Structure formats: structure tokens, C-alpha cells
């Protein structure tokens, strides 16, 4: 039998207290309520659900089979509700941890600025960042191990909410001293196929092939730092977030191909469907929004000012 959810959560709380205490009297004491009030709440819940939850005995009460089934469902429900309420009401300056995930491309290019902003405004908050492939981050978010994750692409699935934040500008770059070497221009450093072997859409490679038809993926990695290192070493052409290569382009060690053509990819925030954001989460997301705004405006990171 499936229980119909009661609209009065206070009755469920009374039921759990009585079931845990094994007595209407002890349950009432734990709730700091009068015993007749507790008895009426239990009776009303039994009437609403249409089942008997307790067997009344001389020295207390015992759960029926239906009562045990309801207890198994009600305890985690109330625990989750209490946790959500506490998270929603927590003060952002209280000591706490923000567990989040990020694709490496964002962890290296965006999060240093976001961390600097968060710590300047809320020094007691500690961001714990898991850097991993997108599919791993999505599963951790679904399981509740991470509050949210920042990624560049994701396979949508049940229980996962996806919100686009901004389109982050990227640059197609090559080592300055190899910018005229057609062999180097023909070697594209890929990334998306590492996490999605079935992926066959590479818009940036298609753009490169308009000028270098023989261009092909010569190496692949989902590490942003490795992309930049390989490009600086003259091993090929890489597509990287503009904030991450801004200094190298300004210094002349990297050259941006097609500087007048916009290249942008969406930054996505993924979270559990129905996620209740804690004050710490909201503080971190505000820092992320500010860091993204600076990235779009071409401003230096907050920690570098």
C-alpha cells in the first residue's frame, strides 16, 4: 500500500516522536506537548491515512506493519526538510564549507577570481572544489555530495537542473613563433572527445579547417593547463577561455587566430532539481557572477588588483 502524503507535517513529527519513544506520554514529553494533544494528532493521522499505525498496550504503544513502513518513510523526509530549512536560514558569515564541482577549464580560469571575492567578503567560508569530468560532477550533484557544479557542457538527465550563466569568450591560440607554420596550424588540440568519445561536433576545428583544410585533432586532454602548455610549446592550436590566455596574448607568447571573430561557449550551473540554496551557496554564486562579469569585461582578477 502507498501512503498518501499528509498535508500536516506536524502530525508526522508527532508520529515519529511517539514511535521513537514507544509511548504517547514519553513522545509528548519529548515534544513538550500535552499528552491529549499528541493522542489527537496520532488519531487524526491514522484517520487521514486510513490505517492503524500503533497497537495500544498497557505500557505504551507498538508500531503496526503500516506504522513501521510510515516511520521508514517519514524519518528521512523530516530530516531532509529540517536540513533544507537550516541551510536556507544560515548566515553567510557563519563558518562553513561550500562543496562544489567545476570543470577544469573553469577551475583554472574563473574560480581563482571567485575565491578571492568570496574570501574578501566572507572569510569564514571555505570552498571545497572537486575538479573532475562533467559526467562525474553531474552524478555527484545528483547524489547530494556537491551542492552544485560549473561546467561547459552536460548531458541533461532526471533530477538535474541546468542553468546557463553567460557565454564565456574563448580564443583560438598558437605559439607566436609557430603562427606561420602550417604543420603546427594543422594540429588541433581537442578536449570534448575525452569526456564524450561519441562526440563528432567540433565547431572550432571546423572554423580552423576553412583556412587549413588538413587540420585534424592531434592530441586531446580535458586539462586546461595542459592545453596552454602544449600551445606554448608549439605542439598545435588550442581553444582556451580568453581570461586564461589574456596575459600570454598581451606578452606576445601566444597569438590569437581570428581575433575579430567571436568564439564563445556557455558556462552552465548544474544543481539538483528543487535545490534549496544555503546562504553560503548564495554567497559563492554571487562571487562567481562577479568573476564572470569581470571576465566578460576584460578586467583583471580580483586577487590580482
C-alpha atoms as a PDB file:
ATOM      1  CA  UNK A   1       0.000   0.000   0.000  1.00  0.00           C
ATOM      2  CA  UNK A   2       1.241   3.509  -0.811  1.00  0.00           C
ATOM      3  CA  UNK A   3       0.659   6.234   1.742  1.00  0.00           C
ATOM      4  CA  UNK A   4      -0.920   9.489   0.650  1.00  0.00           C
ATOM      5  CA  UNK A   5       1.244  12.322   1.912  1.00  0.00           C
ATOM      6  CA  UNK A   6      -0.376  14.221   4.731  1.00  0.00           C
ATOM      7  CA  UNK A   7      -0.644  17.979   4.328  1.00  0.00           C
ATOM      8  CA  UNK A   8       0.074  18.490   8.047  1.00  0.00           C
ATOM      9  CA  UNK A   9       3.758  17.819   8.722  1.00  0.00           C
ATOM     10  CA  UNK A  10       3.241  18.465  12.427  1.00  0.00           C
ATOM     11  CA  UNK A  11       1.272  15.205  12.617  1.00  0.00           C
ATOM     12  CA  UNK A  12       4.177  13.347  11.057  1.00  0.00           C
ATOM     13  CA  UNK A  13       6.535  14.862  13.622  1.00  0.00           C
ATOM     14  CA  UNK A  14       4.240  13.730  16.428  1.00  0.00           C
ATOM     15  CA  UNK A  15       4.043  10.252  14.924  1.00  0.00           C
ATOM     16  CA  UNK A  16       7.844   9.944  14.680  1.00  0.00           C
ATOM     17  CA  UNK A  17       8.299  11.168  18.258  1.00  0.00           C
ATOM     18  CA  UNK A  18       5.773   8.648  19.622  1.00  0.00           C
ATOM     19  CA  UNK A  19       7.174   5.815  17.508  1.00  0.00           C
ATOM     20  CA  UNK A  20      10.711   6.588  18.672  1.00  0.00           C
ATOM     21  CA  UNK A  21       9.691   6.893  22.349  1.00  0.00           C
ATOM     22  CA  UNK A  22       7.348   3.888  22.284  1.00  0.00           C
ATOM     23  CA  UNK A  23       4.795   5.781  24.328  1.00  0.00           C
ATOM     24  CA  UNK A  24       2.298   8.587  23.862  1.00  0.00           C
ATOM     25  CA  UNK A  25       3.329  10.057  27.202  1.00  0.00           C
ATOM     26  CA  UNK A  26       7.068   9.938  26.508  1.00  0.00           C
ATOM     27  CA  UNK A  27       6.502  11.226  22.969  1.00  0.00           C
ATOM     28  CA  UNK A  28       4.542  14.162  24.365  1.00  0.00           C
ATOM     29  CA  UNK A  29       7.336  14.909  26.828  1.00  0.00           C
ATOM     30  CA  UNK A  30       9.939  14.873  24.050  1.00  0.00           C
ATOM     31  CA  UNK A  31       7.831  17.315  22.032  1.00  0.00           C
ATOM     32  CA  UNK A  32       6.942  19.410  25.114  1.00  0.00           C
ATOM     33  CA  UNK A  33       3.263  18.946  24.316  1.00  0.00           C
ATOM     34  CA  UNK A  34       0.277  17.795  26.332  1.00  0.00           C
ATOM     35  CA  UNK A  35      -0.441  14.066  26.061  1.00  0.00           C
ATOM     36  CA  UNK A  36      -4.095  14.572  24.911  1.00  0.00           C
ATOM     37  CA  UNK A  37      -2.874  16.826  22.069  1.00  0.00           C
ATOM     38  CA  UNK A  38      -0.439  14.122  20.949  1.00  0.00           C
ATOM     39  CA  UNK A  39      -3.159  11.468  21.109  1.00  0.00           C
ATOM     40  CA  UNK A  40      -5.466  13.577  18.943  1.00  0.00           C
ATOM     41  CA  UNK A  41      -2.682  14.181  16.389  1.00  0.00           C
ATOM     42  CA  UNK A  42      -1.966  10.450  16.096  1.00  0.00           C
ATOM     43  CA  UNK A  43      -5.664   9.639  15.762  1.00  0.00           C
ATOM     44  CA  UNK A  44      -6.093  12.320  13.098  1.00  0.00           C
ATOM     45  CA  UNK A  45      -3.116  10.961  11.135  1.00  0.00           C
ATOM     46  CA  UNK A  46      -4.486   7.411  11.281  1.00  0.00           C
ATOM     47  CA  UNK A  47      -7.871   8.668  10.087  1.00  0.00           C
ATOM     48  CA  UNK A  48      -6.322  10.663   7.262  1.00  0.00           C
ATOM     49  CA  UNK A  49      -4.231   7.727   6.031  1.00  0.00           C
ATOM     50  CA  UNK A  50      -6.932   5.175   6.669  1.00  0.00           C
ATOM     51  CA  UNK A  51      -4.622   2.778   8.521  1.00  0.00           C
ATOM     52  CA  UNK A  52      -3.785   1.844  12.109  1.00  0.00           C
ATOM     53  CA  UNK A  53      -0.262   2.960  12.974  1.00  0.00           C
ATOM     54  CA  UNK A  54       0.002   1.830  16.598  1.00  0.00           C
ATOM     55  CA  UNK A  55      -1.229  -1.005  18.758  1.00  0.00           C
ATOM     56  CA  UNK A  56      -2.143   0.384  22.150  1.00  0.00           C
ATOM     57  CA  UNK A  57      -0.677  -1.634  25.020  1.00  0.00           C
ATOM     58  CA  UNK A  58      -0.678  -1.334  28.797  1.00  0.00           C
ATOM     59  CA  UNK A  59       2.861   0.024  28.891  1.00  0.00           C
ATOM     60  CA  UNK A  60       2.914   2.113  25.746  1.00  0.00           C
ATOM     61  CA  UNK A  61       2.371   1.590  22.059  1.00  0.00           C
ATOM     62  CA  UNK A  62       3.875  -0.650  19.381  1.00  0.00           C
ATOM     63  CA  UNK A  63       4.082   0.048  15.678  1.00  0.00           C
ATOM     64  CA  UNK A  64       1.934  -1.956  13.288  1.00  0.00           C
ATOM     65  CA  UNK A  65       3.374  -3.073   9.949  1.00  0.00           C
ATOM     66  CA  UNK A  66       1.910   0.063   8.374  1.00  0.00           C
ATOM     67  CA  UNK A  67       3.365   2.144  11.167  1.00  0.00           C
ATOM     68  CA  UNK A  68       6.842   0.734  10.583  1.00  0.00           C
ATOM     69  CA  UNK A  69       6.509   1.453   6.868  1.00  0.00           C
ATOM     70  CA  UNK A  70       5.484   5.052   7.552  1.00  0.00           C
ATOM     71  CA  UNK A  71       8.326   5.548  10.043  1.00  0.00           C
ATOM     72  CA  UNK A  72      10.843   4.356   7.454  1.00  0.00           C
ATOM     73  CA  UNK A  73       9.500   6.946   5.011  1.00  0.00           C
ATOM     74  CA  UNK A  74       8.870   9.815   7.447  1.00  0.00           C
ATOM     75  CA  UNK A  75      12.208   9.940   9.293  1.00  0.00           C
ATOM     76  CA  UNK A  76      14.406  10.709   6.249  1.00  0.00           C
ATOM     77  CA  UNK A  77      11.750  13.086   4.895  1.00  0.00           C
ATOM     78  CA  UNK A  78      11.694  15.175   8.070  1.00  0.00           C
ATOM     79  CA  UNK A  79      15.475  15.030   8.389  1.00  0.00           C
ATOM     80  CA  UNK A  80      15.859  16.367   4.849  1.00  0.00           C
ATOM     81  CA  UNK A  81      13.269  19.080   5.460  1.00  0.00           C
ATOM     82  CA  UNK A  82      14.999  20.219   8.651  1.00  0.00           C
ATOM     83  CA  UNK A  83      18.334  20.292   6.832  1.00  0.00           C
ATOM     84  CA  UNK A  84      16.911  22.361   3.993  1.00  0.00           C
ATOM     85  CA  UNK A  85      15.364  24.867   6.381  1.00  0.00           C
ATOM     86  CA  UNK A  86      18.627  25.175   8.318  1.00  0.00           C
ATOM     87  CA  UNK A  87      20.602  25.715   5.091  1.00  0.00           C
ATOM     88  CA  UNK A  88      18.160  28.341   3.865  1.00  0.00           C
ATOM     89  CA  UNK A  89      18.296  30.298   7.136  1.00  0.00           C
ATOM     90  CA  UNK A  90      22.027  30.005   7.848  1.00  0.00           C
ATOM     91  CA  UNK A  91      24.006  33.228   7.938  1.00  0.00           C
ATOM     92  CA  UNK A  92      26.606  33.551   5.143  1.00  0.00           C
ATOM     93  CA  UNK A  93      29.288  34.727   7.570  1.00  0.00           C
ATOM     94  CA  UNK A  94      28.968  31.669   9.788  1.00  0.00           C
ATOM     95  CA  UNK A  95      31.874  29.210   9.415  1.00  0.00           C
ATOM     96  CA  UNK A  96      31.036  26.689   6.759  1.00  0.00           C
ATOM     97  CA  UNK A  97      32.043  24.730   3.713  1.00  0.00           C
ATOM     98  CA  UNK A  98      30.759  25.193   0.178  1.00  0.00           C
ATOM     99  CA  UNK A  99      31.071  21.808  -1.595  1.00  0.00           C
ATOM    100  CA  UNK A 100      31.022  22.358  -5.340  1.00  0.00           C
ATOM    101  CA  UNK A 101      32.406  20.938  -8.539  1.00  0.00           C
ATOM    102  CA  UNK A 102      33.943  22.526 -11.593  1.00  0.00           C
ATOM    103  CA  UNK A 103      35.219  21.507 -14.947  1.00  0.00           C
ATOM    104  CA  UNK A 104      38.972  22.046 -15.111  1.00  0.00           C
ATOM    105  CA  UNK A 105      38.553  24.707 -17.765  1.00  0.00           C
ATOM    106  CA  UNK A 106      36.593  26.833 -15.255  1.00  0.00           C
ATOM    107  CA  UNK A 107      38.519  25.844 -12.132  1.00  0.00           C
ATOM    108  CA  UNK A 108      41.683  27.292 -13.682  1.00  0.00           C
ATOM    109  CA  UNK A 109      40.264  30.348 -15.434  1.00  0.00           C
ATOM    110  CA  UNK A 110      37.335  31.523 -13.320  1.00  0.00           C
ATOM    111  CA  UNK A 111      37.436  30.180  -9.773  1.00  0.00           C
ATOM    112  CA  UNK A 112      40.601  31.974  -8.580  1.00  0.00           C
ATOM    113  CA  UNK A 113      38.777  35.287  -9.044  1.00  0.00           C
ATOM    114  CA  UNK A 114      35.588  33.908  -7.478  1.00  0.00           C
ATOM    115  CA  UNK A 115      37.548  32.554  -4.483  1.00  0.00           C
ATOM    116  CA  UNK A 116      39.260  35.899  -3.962  1.00  0.00           C
ATOM    117  CA  UNK A 117      35.921  37.678  -3.910  1.00  0.00           C
ATOM    118  CA  UNK A 118      34.318  35.130  -1.586  1.00  0.00           C
ATOM    119  CA  UNK A 119      37.138  35.217   0.953  1.00  0.00           C
ATOM    120  CA  UNK A 120      37.242  39.020   0.928  1.00  0.00           C
ATOM    121  CA  UNK A 121      33.541  39.223   1.771  1.00  0.00           C
ATOM    122  CA  UNK A 122      33.128  36.035   3.836  1.00  0.00           C
ATOM    123  CA  UNK A 123      36.462  34.909   5.326  1.00  0.00           C
ATOM    124  CA  UNK A 124      34.845  32.090   7.337  1.00  0.00           C
ATOM    125  CA  UNK A 125      33.577  30.253   4.249  1.00  0.00           C
ATOM    126  CA  UNK A 126      35.736  27.523   2.756  1.00  0.00           C
ATOM    127  CA  UNK A 127      35.086  26.428  -0.843  1.00  0.00           C
ATOM    128  CA  UNK A 128      35.777  22.724  -1.431  1.00  0.00           C
ATOM    129  CA  UNK A 129      36.099  22.221  -5.173  1.00  0.00           C
ATOM    130  CA  UNK A 130      36.103  18.855  -6.909  1.00  0.00           C
ATOM    131  CA  UNK A 131      37.635  19.134 -10.379  1.00  0.00           C
ATOM    132  CA  UNK A 132      36.515  16.205 -12.500  1.00  0.00           C
ATOM    133  CA  UNK A 133      34.943  15.223 -15.833  1.00  0.00           C
ATOM    134  CA  UNK A 134      31.440  16.569 -16.305  1.00  0.00           C
ATOM    135  CA  UNK A 135      29.692  13.194 -16.052  1.00  0.00           C
ATOM    136  CA  UNK A 136      31.362  12.579 -12.676  1.00  0.00           C
ATOM    137  CA  UNK A 137      30.331  16.015 -11.414  1.00  0.00           C
ATOM    138  CA  UNK A 138      26.744  15.502 -12.563  1.00  0.00           C
ATOM    139  CA  UNK A 139      26.467  12.228 -10.649  1.00  0.00           C
ATOM    140  CA  UNK A 140      27.955  13.793  -7.503  1.00  0.00           C
ATOM    141  CA  UNK A 141      25.444  16.646  -7.752  1.00  0.00           C
ATOM    142  CA  UNK A 142      22.531  14.223  -8.177  1.00  0.00           C
ATOM    143  CA  UNK A 143      23.722  12.235  -5.152  1.00  0.00           C
ATOM    144  CA  UNK A 144      23.924  15.367  -2.989  1.00  0.00           C
ATOM    145  CA  UNK A 145      27.692  15.141  -2.476  1.00  0.00           C
ATOM    146  CA  UNK A 146      28.094  18.523  -4.219  1.00  0.00           C
ATOM    147  CA  UNK A 147      25.767  21.499  -3.854  1.00  0.00           C
ATOM    148  CA  UNK A 148      26.301  22.471  -7.481  1.00  0.00           C
ATOM    149  CA  UNK A 149      28.857  22.353 -10.281  1.00  0.00           C
ATOM    150  CA  UNK A 150      30.063  24.711 -13.007  1.00  0.00           C
ATOM    151  CA  UNK A 151      30.593  23.079 -16.388  1.00  0.00           C
ATOM    152  CA  UNK A 152      30.784  23.920 -20.088  1.00  0.00           C
ATOM    153  CA  UNK A 153      28.514  21.131 -21.328  1.00  0.00           C
ATOM    154  CA  UNK A 154      26.373  18.421 -19.759  1.00  0.00           C
ATOM    155  CA  UNK A 155      24.021  15.603 -20.665  1.00  0.00           C
ATOM    156  CA  UNK A 156      20.674  16.527 -19.201  1.00  0.00           C
ATOM    157  CA  UNK A 157      19.120  13.879 -17.006  1.00  0.00           C
ATOM    158  CA  UNK A 158      16.500  13.222 -14.359  1.00  0.00           C
ATOM    159  CA  UNK A 159      16.927  15.113 -11.118  1.00  0.00           C
ATOM    160  CA  UNK A 160      19.342  17.646 -12.607  1.00  0.00           C
ATOM    161  CA  UNK A 161      18.600  21.315 -13.209  1.00  0.00           C
ATOM    162  CA  UNK A 162      20.752  23.156 -15.753  1.00  0.00           C
ATOM    163  CA  UNK A 163      21.030  26.948 -15.831  1.00  0.00           C
ATOM    164  CA  UNK A 164      23.135  28.831 -18.418  1.00  0.00           C
ATOM    165  CA  UNK A 165      25.030  31.691 -16.774  1.00  0.00           C
ATOM    166  CA  UNK A 166      26.955  33.525 -19.503  1.00  0.00           C
ATOM    167  CA  UNK A 167      28.700  32.865 -22.785  1.00  0.00           C
ATOM    168  CA  UNK A 168      32.405  32.894 -21.927  1.00  0.00           C
ATOM    169  CA  UNK A 169      34.686  34.285 -24.660  1.00  0.00           C
ATOM    170  CA  UNK A 170      37.414  31.936 -25.916  1.00  0.00           C
ATOM    171  CA  UNK A 171      40.481  32.371 -28.088  1.00  0.00           C
ATOM    172  CA  UNK A 172      41.935  30.021 -30.655  1.00  0.00           C
ATOM    173  CA  UNK A 173      45.656  30.346 -29.903  1.00  0.00           C
ATOM    174  CA  UNK A 174      49.000  29.154 -31.191  1.00  0.00           C
ATOM    175  CA  UNK A 175      52.585  29.835 -30.112  1.00  0.00           C
ATOM    176  CA  UNK A 176      53.681  33.184 -31.556  1.00  0.00           C
ATOM    177  CA  UNK A 177      56.862  31.742 -33.071  1.00  0.00           C
ATOM    178  CA  UNK A 178      54.862  28.997 -34.820  1.00  0.00           C
ATOM    179  CA  UNK A 179      51.955  31.084 -36.076  1.00  0.00           C
ATOM    180  CA  UNK A 180      53.147  30.806 -39.685  1.00  0.00           C
ATOM    181  CA  UNK A 181      53.999  27.094 -39.515  1.00  0.00           C
ATOM    182  CA  UNK A 182      51.272  25.267 -41.392  1.00  0.00           C
ATOM    183  CA  UNK A 183      52.218  21.935 -39.819  1.00  0.00           C
ATOM    184  CA  UNK A 184      51.543  23.375 -36.374  1.00  0.00           C
ATOM    185  CA  UNK A 185      48.324  25.058 -37.517  1.00  0.00           C
ATOM    186  CA  UNK A 186      47.102  21.695 -38.790  1.00  0.00           C
ATOM    187  CA  UNK A 187      47.451  20.106 -35.322  1.00  0.00           C
ATOM    188  CA  UNK A 188      44.357  20.835 -33.235  1.00  0.00           C
ATOM    189  CA  UNK A 189      44.381  20.081 -29.502  1.00  0.00           C
ATOM    190  CA  UNK A 190      40.951  18.679 -28.662  1.00  0.00           C
ATOM    191  CA  UNK A 191      39.097  18.225 -25.384  1.00  0.00           C
ATOM    192  CA  UNK A 192      35.403  17.330 -25.604  1.00  0.00           C
ATOM    193  CA  UNK A 193      36.028  13.920 -27.133  1.00  0.00           C
ATOM    194  CA  UNK A 194      37.914  12.903 -23.978  1.00  0.00           C
ATOM    195  CA  UNK A 195      34.710  13.064 -21.900  1.00  0.00           C
ATOM    196  CA  UNK A 196      32.359  12.118 -24.737  1.00  0.00           C
ATOM    197  CA  UNK A 197      34.016   9.629 -27.115  1.00  0.00           C
ATOM    198  CA  UNK A 198      30.946   9.720 -29.346  1.00  0.00           C
ATOM    199  CA  UNK A 199      31.156  13.471 -29.898  1.00  0.00           C
ATOM    200  CA  UNK A 200      31.579  14.403 -33.537  1.00  0.00           C
ATOM    201  CA  UNK A 201      30.840  18.120 -33.435  1.00  0.00           C
ATOM    202  CA  UNK A 202      33.870  20.409 -33.265  1.00  0.00           C
ATOM    203  CA  UNK A 203      32.847  23.953 -34.344  1.00  0.00           C
ATOM    204  CA  UNK A 204      36.278  25.395 -33.602  1.00  0.00           C
ATOM    205  CA  UNK A 205      38.038  22.750 -35.661  1.00  0.00           C
ATOM    206  CA  UNK A 206      35.567  23.383 -38.480  1.00  0.00           C
ATOM    207  CA  UNK A 207      36.498  27.079 -38.374  1.00  0.00           C
ATOM    208  CA  UNK A 208      40.208  26.260 -38.491  1.00  0.00           C
ATOM    209  CA  UNK A 209      39.670  23.989 -41.496  1.00  0.00           C
ATOM    210  CA  UNK A 210      38.324  26.892 -43.527  1.00  0.00           C
ATOM    211  CA  UNK A 211      41.922  28.135 -43.707  1.00  0.00           C
ATOM    212  CA  UNK A 212      43.790  24.889 -43.062  1.00  0.00           C
ATOM    213  CA  UNK A 213      41.682  22.097 -44.648  1.00  0.00           C
ATOM    214  CA  UNK A 214      44.038  19.371 -43.439  1.00  0.00           C
ATOM    215  CA  UNK A 215      43.659  20.375 -39.778  1.00  0.00           C
ATOM    216  CA  UNK A 216      42.811  17.449 -37.507  1.00  0.00           C
ATOM    217  CA  UNK A 217      42.804  16.534 -33.818  1.00  0.00           C
ATOM    218  CA  UNK A 218      46.395  15.654 -32.986  1.00  0.00           C
ATOM    219  CA  UNK A 219      46.048  15.356 -29.190  1.00  0.00           C
ATOM    220  CA  UNK A 220      43.244  15.584 -26.647  1.00  0.00           C
ATOM    221  CA  UNK A 221      43.073  16.414 -22.966  1.00  0.00           C
ATOM    222  CA  UNK A 222      40.463  17.804 -20.599  1.00  0.00           C
ATOM    223  CA  UNK A 223      43.157  19.732 -18.704  1.00  0.00           C
ATOM    224  CA  UNK A 224      43.157  23.447 -19.400  1.00  0.00           C
ATOM    225  CA  UNK A 225      46.697  23.840 -18.101  1.00  0.00           C
ATOM    226  CA  UNK A 226      47.891  21.076 -20.426  1.00  0.00           C
ATOM    227  CA  UNK A 227      46.191  22.790 -23.370  1.00  0.00           C
ATOM    228  CA  UNK A 228      48.024  26.029 -22.709  1.00  0.00           C
ATOM    229  CA  UNK A 229      51.346  24.295 -22.083  1.00  0.00           C
ATOM    230  CA  UNK A 230      51.083  22.392 -25.356  1.00  0.00           C
ATOM    231  CA  UNK A 231      50.167  25.520 -27.270  1.00  0.00           C
ATOM    232  CA  UNK A 232      53.097  27.433 -25.751  1.00  0.00           C
ATOM    233  CA  UNK A 233      55.387  24.548 -26.691  1.00  0.00           C
ATOM    234  CA  UNK A 234      54.340  24.869 -30.320  1.00  0.00           C
ATOM    235  CA  UNK A 235      52.581  21.497 -30.422  1.00  0.00           C
ATOM    236  CA  UNK A 236      49.388  22.769 -32.012  1.00  0.00           C
ATOM    237  CA  UNK A 237      46.389  25.086 -31.876  1.00  0.00           C
ATOM    238  CA  UNK A 238      44.250  25.225 -28.716  1.00  0.00           C
ATOM    239  CA  UNK A 239      40.913  26.762 -27.866  1.00  0.00           C
ATOM    240  CA  UNK A 240      41.060  28.370 -24.404  1.00  0.00           C
ATOM    241  CA  UNK A 241      38.983  30.799 -22.302  1.00  0.00           C
ATOM    242  CA  UNK A 242      40.098  34.332 -23.045  1.00  0.00           C
ATOM    243  CA  UNK A 243      40.778  35.205 -19.367  1.00  0.00           C
ATOM    244  CA  UNK A 244      43.154  32.238 -19.098  1.00  0.00           C
ATOM    245  CA  UNK A 245      45.367  33.358 -22.010  1.00  0.00           C
ATOM    246  CA  UNK A 246      44.947  37.126 -21.718  1.00  0.00           C
ATOM    247  CA  UNK A 247      48.403  37.621 -20.193  1.00  0.00           C
ATOM    248  CA  UNK A 248      50.158  35.370 -22.735  1.00  0.00           C
ATOM    249  CA  UNK A 249      48.498  37.164 -25.657  1.00  0.00           C
ATOM    250  CA  UNK A 250      49.456  40.542 -24.200  1.00  0.00           C
ATOM    251  CA  UNK A 251      53.048  39.346 -23.660  1.00  0.00           C
ATOM    252  CA  UNK A 252      53.273  38.035 -27.206  1.00  0.00           C
ATOM    253  CA  UNK A 253      53.977  34.393 -26.372  1.00  0.00           C
ATOM    254  CA  UNK A 254      50.615  33.314 -27.810  1.00  0.00           C
ATOM    255  CA  UNK A 255      48.811  34.667 -30.858  1.00  0.00           C
ATOM    256  CA  UNK A 256      45.023  34.652 -31.157  1.00  0.00           C
ATOM    257  CA  UNK A 257      43.799  33.414 -34.515  1.00  0.00           C
ATOM    258  CA  UNK A 258      40.744  35.202 -35.925  1.00  0.00           C
ATOM    259  CA  UNK A 259      40.673  37.891 -33.215  1.00  0.00           C
ATOM    260  CA  UNK A 260      37.737  39.672 -34.873  1.00  0.00           C
ATOM    261  CA  UNK A 261      35.525  36.585 -34.923  1.00  0.00           C
ATOM    262  CA  UNK A 262      33.619  35.899 -31.695  1.00  0.00           C
ATOM    263  CA  UNK A 263      34.154  32.485 -30.103  1.00  0.00           C
ATOM    264  CA  UNK A 264      32.045  31.900 -27.014  1.00  0.00           C
ATOM    265  CA  UNK A 265      30.753  28.887 -25.121  1.00  0.00           C
ATOM    266  CA  UNK A 266      28.140  28.809 -22.334  1.00  0.00           C
ATOM    267  CA  UNK A 267      29.040  28.380 -18.685  1.00  0.00           C
ATOM    268  CA  UNK A 268      26.414  26.138 -17.101  1.00  0.00           C
ATOM    269  CA  UNK A 269      25.433  25.725 -13.455  1.00  0.00           C
ATOM    270  CA  UNK A 270      24.046  22.309 -12.593  1.00  0.00           C
ATOM    271  CA  UNK A 271      22.233  21.507  -9.352  1.00  0.00           C
ATOM    272  CA  UNK A 272      19.683  19.060  -8.019  1.00  0.00           C
ATOM    273  CA  UNK A 273      16.118  19.745  -9.061  1.00  0.00           C
ATOM    274  CA  UNK A 274      14.425  21.611  -6.214  1.00  0.00           C
ATOM    275  CA  UNK A 275      17.760  22.514  -4.596  1.00  0.00           C
ATOM    276  CA  UNK A 276      17.420  24.756  -1.529  1.00  0.00           C
ATOM    277  CA  UNK A 277      20.391  27.110  -1.615  1.00  0.00           C
ATOM    278  CA  UNK A 278      22.198  27.815   1.624  1.00  0.00           C
ATOM    279  CA  UNK A 279      23.425  31.295   2.448  1.00  0.00           C
ATOM    280  CA  UNK A 280      26.981  30.052   1.807  1.00  0.00           C
ATOM    281  CA  UNK A 281      25.952  28.739  -1.619  1.00  0.00           C
ATOM    282  CA  UNK A 282      24.349  32.054  -2.484  1.00  0.00           C
ATOM    283  CA  UNK A 283      27.444  33.966  -1.382  1.00  0.00           C
ATOM    284  CA  UNK A 284      29.658  31.811  -3.581  1.00  0.00           C
ATOM    285  CA  UNK A 285      27.341  32.120  -6.577  1.00  0.00           C
ATOM    286  CA  UNK A 286      27.419  35.904  -6.189  1.00  0.00           C
ATOM    287  CA  UNK A 287      31.216  35.727  -6.316  1.00  0.00           C
ATOM    288  CA  UNK A 288      31.015  33.562  -9.444  1.00  0.00           C
ATOM    289  CA  UNK A 289      28.658  36.046 -11.106  1.00  0.00           C
ATOM    290  CA  UNK A 290      31.065  38.894 -10.346  1.00  0.00           C
ATOM    291  CA  UNK A 291      34.032  36.921 -11.667  1.00  0.00           C
ATOM    292  CA  UNK A 292      32.138  36.144 -14.864  1.00  0.00           C
ATOM    293  CA  UNK A 293      31.248  39.810 -15.285  1.00  0.00           C
ATOM    294  CA  UNK A 294      34.926  40.745 -14.972  1.00  0.00           C
ATOM    295  CA  UNK A 295      35.908  38.026 -17.439  1.00  0.00           C
ATOM    296  CA  UNK A 296      33.479  39.426 -19.991  1.00  0.00           C
ATOM    297  CA  UNK A 297      34.671  42.972 -19.369  1.00  0.00           C
ATOM    298  CA  UNK A 298      38.346  42.051 -19.651  1.00  0.00           C
ATOM    299  CA  UNK A 299      39.072  43.108 -16.067  1.00  0.00           C
ATOM    300  CA  UNK A 300      41.920  41.570 -14.046  1.00  0.00           C
ATOM    301  CA  UNK A 301      41.009  39.007 -11.402  1.00  0.00           C
ATOM    302  CA  UNK A 302      40.032  40.412  -8.009  1.00  0.00           C
ATOM    303  CA  UNK A 303      43.078  38.882  -6.341  1.00  0.00           C
ATOM    304  CA  UNK A 304      45.428  40.481  -8.877  1.00  0.00           C
ATOM    305  CA  UNK A 305      44.351  44.071  -8.375  1.00  0.00           C
END
